[in-house]
Protein backbone atom coordinates (compact mmCIF):
# COMPACT_ATOMS: atom_id res chain seq x y z
CA VAL A 1 -27.34 4.95 -16.41
CA SER A 2 -28.41 5.98 -19.98
CA GLY A 3 -27.15 8.99 -22.33
CA ARG A 4 -26.47 9.83 -26.12
CA ILE A 5 -23.06 9.72 -27.10
CA ASP A 6 -22.12 11.00 -30.86
CA GLY A 7 -25.90 10.57 -31.64
CA LYS A 8 -26.17 6.93 -30.37
CA THR A 9 -27.76 5.86 -27.21
CA VAL A 10 -25.48 4.07 -24.67
CA LEU A 11 -27.02 2.26 -21.84
CA LEU A 12 -24.81 1.10 -18.75
CA GLY A 13 -26.17 -1.13 -16.12
CA ASN A 14 -27.03 -4.56 -14.79
CA ALA A 15 -29.09 -7.41 -16.36
CA LYS A 16 -32.37 -6.28 -14.81
CA LEU A 17 -32.04 -2.93 -16.60
CA MET A 18 -30.92 -4.75 -19.98
CA ARG A 19 -33.78 -7.10 -19.84
CA GLU A 20 -36.38 -4.22 -19.18
CA ARG A 21 -34.90 -2.64 -22.40
CA ASP A 22 -35.53 -5.92 -24.04
CA ILE A 23 -31.78 -6.11 -24.95
CA ASP A 24 -30.31 -9.82 -25.54
CA ILE A 25 -27.18 -10.16 -23.39
CA ALA A 26 -26.88 -14.02 -23.62
CA PRO A 27 -23.51 -13.49 -25.81
CA LEU A 28 -21.95 -11.90 -22.79
CA THR A 29 -23.28 -14.10 -20.13
CA ARG A 30 -20.08 -16.36 -20.00
CA ALA A 31 -17.61 -13.03 -19.60
CA TRP A 32 -20.30 -11.86 -17.12
CA GLU A 33 -19.57 -14.94 -14.84
CA ARG A 34 -16.01 -15.14 -15.35
CA LEU A 35 -15.53 -11.43 -14.12
CA ALA A 36 -17.98 -11.92 -11.23
CA GLU A 37 -16.14 -14.97 -9.98
CA GLU A 38 -13.02 -12.97 -9.87
CA GLY A 39 -14.94 -10.85 -7.36
CA LYS A 40 -15.53 -7.80 -9.69
CA THR A 41 -18.82 -6.32 -10.43
CA PRO A 42 -19.49 -6.41 -13.97
CA MET A 43 -21.97 -4.20 -15.85
CA TYR A 44 -23.63 -4.45 -19.45
CA VAL A 45 -23.06 -1.67 -22.03
CA ALA A 46 -25.36 -1.58 -24.87
CA ILE A 47 -25.31 0.81 -27.90
CA ASP A 48 -28.57 1.60 -29.56
CA GLY A 49 -30.39 -1.46 -28.37
CA THR A 50 -27.66 -4.10 -28.79
CA ALA A 51 -25.19 -5.51 -26.27
CA ALA A 52 -21.67 -4.19 -26.97
CA GLY A 53 -19.72 -5.16 -24.05
CA LEU A 54 -19.06 -5.50 -20.27
CA VAL A 55 -17.36 -2.99 -17.82
CA ALA A 56 -15.94 -4.39 -14.66
CA VAL A 57 -15.18 -2.61 -11.38
CA ALA A 58 -13.82 -3.87 -8.11
CA ASP A 59 -12.77 -2.77 -4.51
CA THR A 60 -9.63 -4.03 -3.70
CA VAL A 61 -9.49 -6.12 -0.47
CA LYS A 62 -7.07 -4.79 2.07
CA PRO A 63 -4.32 -7.37 3.13
CA ASP A 64 -5.63 -6.88 6.65
CA SER A 65 -8.90 -7.71 6.05
CA ALA A 66 -8.98 -11.44 6.27
CA PRO A 67 -6.67 -11.76 9.15
CA ALA A 68 -9.08 -9.13 11.17
CA ILE A 69 -12.21 -11.33 10.32
CA ALA A 70 -10.45 -14.38 11.58
CA GLU A 71 -9.59 -12.87 14.63
CA LEU A 72 -13.27 -11.32 15.13
CA LYS A 73 -14.56 -14.93 14.52
CA ARG A 74 -11.92 -16.28 16.87
CA MET A 75 -13.63 -14.03 19.52
CA GLY A 76 -16.90 -15.78 18.91
CA LEU A 77 -18.41 -13.09 16.70
CA GLU A 78 -20.40 -14.22 13.62
CA VAL A 79 -19.45 -11.78 10.49
CA VAL A 80 -21.94 -11.09 7.87
CA MET A 81 -21.31 -9.24 4.79
CA ILE A 82 -24.02 -7.03 3.50
CA THR A 83 -23.61 -5.89 -0.15
CA GLY A 84 -25.32 -4.49 -3.05
CA ASP A 85 -23.26 -6.59 -5.28
CA ASN A 86 -24.53 -9.71 -7.20
CA ALA A 87 -24.19 -13.00 -5.39
CA ARG A 88 -21.50 -14.37 -7.50
CA THR A 89 -19.25 -11.25 -6.75
CA ALA A 90 -20.43 -11.32 -3.10
CA ASN A 91 -19.27 -15.00 -2.89
CA ALA A 92 -15.96 -14.55 -4.39
CA ILE A 93 -15.10 -11.53 -2.16
CA ALA A 94 -16.17 -13.43 0.98
CA ARG A 95 -14.02 -16.38 0.09
CA GLN A 96 -11.17 -14.13 -0.26
CA VAL A 97 -11.67 -12.94 3.22
CA GLY A 98 -13.45 -15.80 5.16
CA VAL A 99 -16.93 -14.70 5.66
CA ASP A 100 -19.64 -17.47 5.95
CA ARG A 101 -22.51 -15.44 5.69
CA ILE A 102 -23.42 -13.27 2.61
CA LEU A 103 -26.55 -10.96 2.13
CA ALA A 104 -26.23 -9.81 -1.58
CA GLU A 105 -28.20 -7.67 -3.81
CA VAL A 106 -29.29 -5.58 -0.91
CA LEU A 107 -30.52 -2.19 -2.36
CA PRO A 108 -29.00 0.99 -0.25
CA ASP A 109 -32.51 1.53 1.40
CA GLN A 110 -32.64 -2.03 2.25
CA LYS A 111 -29.41 -2.52 4.27
CA ALA A 112 -31.09 -1.32 7.68
CA HIS A 113 -34.03 -3.49 7.31
CA GLU A 114 -31.43 -6.56 6.79
CA VAL A 115 -29.83 -5.16 10.14
CA GLN A 116 -33.34 -5.12 11.80
CA LYS A 117 -33.71 -8.68 10.59
CA LEU A 118 -30.38 -10.08 12.25
CA GLN A 119 -31.69 -8.20 15.69
CA LEU A 120 -35.01 -9.97 15.32
CA GLU A 121 -32.94 -13.15 15.28
CA GLY A 122 -31.68 -12.18 18.68
CA LYS A 123 -28.32 -11.02 17.70
CA THR A 124 -26.80 -8.07 18.91
CA VAL A 125 -25.52 -6.22 15.67
CA GLY A 126 -22.43 -4.25 15.14
CA MET A 127 -22.46 -2.56 11.68
CA VAL A 128 -19.39 -1.29 9.96
CA GLY A 129 -19.89 1.17 7.06
CA ASP A 130 -18.33 4.27 5.25
CA GLY A 131 -20.80 5.46 2.87
CA ILE A 132 -24.01 7.70 2.75
CA ASN A 133 -25.89 4.37 1.92
CA ASP A 134 -24.65 2.81 5.14
CA ALA A 135 -26.08 5.68 7.36
CA PRO A 136 -29.40 4.20 8.17
CA ALA A 137 -27.97 0.80 8.70
CA LEU A 138 -25.46 2.17 11.21
CA ALA A 139 -28.18 3.97 13.20
CA GLN A 140 -30.39 0.86 13.07
CA ALA A 141 -27.48 -1.35 14.52
CA ASP A 142 -26.98 -1.85 18.24
CA VAL A 143 -23.28 -0.43 17.57
CA GLY A 144 -22.36 1.34 14.42
CA PHE A 145 -18.60 1.53 13.78
CA ALA A 146 -17.92 4.12 10.65
CA ILE A 147 -14.56 4.19 8.97
CA GLY A 148 -12.81 7.66 9.66
CA THR A 149 -12.07 7.93 5.88
CA GLY A 150 -15.71 7.52 4.98
CA THR A 151 -18.47 10.37 4.68
CA ASP A 152 -19.43 12.68 7.31
CA VAL A 153 -23.18 11.41 7.02
CA ALA A 154 -21.94 7.85 7.91
CA ILE A 155 -19.73 9.29 10.81
CA GLU A 156 -22.47 11.02 12.25
CA ALA A 157 -24.56 8.01 12.31
CA SER A 158 -22.37 6.07 13.91
CA ASP A 159 -21.41 5.34 17.63
CA ILE A 160 -17.88 4.53 17.03
CA THR A 161 -15.49 6.29 14.38
CA LEU A 162 -12.46 4.42 13.51
CA ILE A 163 -9.71 6.58 12.68
CA LYS A 164 -7.84 4.16 10.19
CA GLY A 165 -9.61 2.34 7.30
CA SER A 166 -9.13 -0.97 8.70
CA LEU A 167 -11.21 -3.63 10.13
CA TRP A 168 -8.42 -4.27 12.73
CA GLY A 169 -9.79 -1.33 14.27
CA VAL A 170 -13.28 -3.29 15.05
CA VAL A 171 -11.19 -5.70 16.57
CA THR A 172 -9.40 -3.37 18.92
CA ALA A 173 -12.82 -1.46 19.57
CA ILE A 174 -14.33 -4.56 20.84
CA GLU A 175 -11.06 -5.82 22.71
CA ILE A 176 -11.21 -2.62 24.64
CA SER A 177 -14.78 -2.55 25.65
CA ARG A 178 -14.43 -6.30 26.66
CA ALA A 179 -11.60 -5.36 28.97
CA THR A 180 -13.39 -2.26 30.26
CA MET A 181 -16.54 -4.36 31.18
CA ARG A 182 -14.14 -7.13 32.89
CA ASN A 183 -12.63 -4.05 34.86
CA VAL A 184 -16.08 -2.86 36.04
CA ARG A 185 -17.07 -6.12 36.94
CA GLN A 186 -14.22 -6.49 38.96
CA ASN A 187 -14.51 -3.21 40.61
CA LEU A 188 -18.01 -3.74 41.85
CA LEU A 189 -17.45 -7.33 43.01
CA GLY A 190 -14.57 -6.20 44.80
CA ALA A 191 -16.48 -3.09 46.30
CA PHE A 192 -19.64 -5.21 47.07
CA GLY A 193 -17.27 -7.85 48.99
CA TYR A 194 -15.38 -5.43 50.79
CA ASN A 195 -18.78 -3.71 52.10
CA THR A 196 -20.54 -7.25 52.62
CA LEU A 197 -17.57 -7.99 55.00
CA GLY A 198 -16.91 -4.47 56.54
CA ILE A 199 -20.56 -3.30 57.31
CA PRO A 200 -21.50 -6.32 59.91
CA ILE A 201 -18.38 -5.80 61.76
CA ALA A 202 -19.06 -2.01 61.94
CA MET A 203 -22.75 -2.96 63.31
CA GLY A 204 -21.05 -5.12 66.15
CA VAL A 205 -21.96 -8.48 64.75
CA LEU A 206 -18.51 -9.98 66.12
CA TYR A 207 -18.93 -8.06 69.29
CA PRO A 208 -20.86 -10.95 71.42
CA PHE A 209 -18.36 -13.58 70.30
CA THR A 210 -15.04 -11.81 70.22
CA GLY A 211 -15.76 -8.20 71.60
CA LEU A 212 -14.43 -6.83 68.49
CA LEU A 213 -15.70 -3.11 67.54
CA LEU A 214 -14.77 -1.41 64.19
CA SER A 215 -13.29 1.96 65.28
CA PRO A 216 -14.93 4.73 63.32
CA LEU A 217 -11.32 6.03 62.56
CA ILE A 218 -10.47 2.39 61.11
CA ALA A 219 -13.62 2.30 59.29
CA ALA A 220 -12.96 5.70 57.45
CA ALA A 221 -9.39 4.51 56.83
CA ALA A 222 -10.95 1.27 55.44
CA MET A 223 -13.22 3.00 52.89
CA ALA A 224 -10.38 5.38 51.56
CA PHE A 225 -8.47 2.04 50.91
CA SER A 226 -11.30 0.75 48.93
CA SER A 227 -11.67 3.77 46.94
CA VAL A 228 -7.93 3.42 46.20
CA THR A 229 -7.87 -0.17 45.28
CA VAL A 230 -10.86 0.52 42.97
CA VAL A 231 -9.34 3.40 40.96
CA SER A 232 -5.84 1.51 40.96
CA ASN A 233 -7.79 -1.24 39.13
CA ALA A 234 -9.39 0.91 36.85
CA ASN A 235 -5.97 2.61 36.00
CA ARG A 236 -4.83 -0.60 34.89
CA LEU A 237 -6.52 -0.17 31.83
CA ARG A 238 -4.05 2.71 30.92
CA PHE A 239 -1.62 -0.26 30.14
CA PHE A 240 -4.06 -2.01 27.64
CA THR A 241 -2.20 -3.14 24.58
CA PRO A 242 -4.50 -4.74 21.49
CA ARG A 243 -3.64 -8.21 20.63
CA ARG A 244 -2.23 -6.76 17.17
CA ALA A 245 0.21 -4.47 18.98
CA ARG A 246 1.67 -7.09 21.57
CA PRO A 247 4.88 -8.94 20.48
């Protein structure tokens, strides 16, 4: 960012911008490193071609982020942080929340490409984002999670919208999806086993040995009971409680 204030040219940006303008930032390097190690994003300020100081900004890490990430890892998921921040700042934040893999200094238009690279590694990728710049990556991911407090563009590009701005919403969504798939498999297995047993009996397979035939009335009742069993098992999901809400 550049502009003129009181007749002076003021420049605000990263080291690359300063180097492009031939501005010596060596005197500020140690202060820049200290701020970056604290998890802040430092930016250089230059006035009339001379480095004048630093401005540091930082996103506050939410208290529940580290526990949520720990739970995601316990569930067998690999957590990757994609950020446009410099590597020092990214590593500082990653240490605070327990993220092991960091993709830093990623430009906004490259986030979708980074997601694609993860997919090419054979991974199923879920992307969590809230900004306009995250929309292409959310669309590229196998599952996009948009923070409900984020931008409308991100919400439109995502598959799932988290009402609250907490990563625990991701944990809960995955728990619900896994519980649902378990339920579906149980129902399929039960229905398959039920029909595997019932159809041969209805065809008279046991008749030569036992004289047993299946009355159409009993068969109809059995099929109705099968449907009731499947629906009852599916209704158990109504009582699903996320791990965080359990006593």
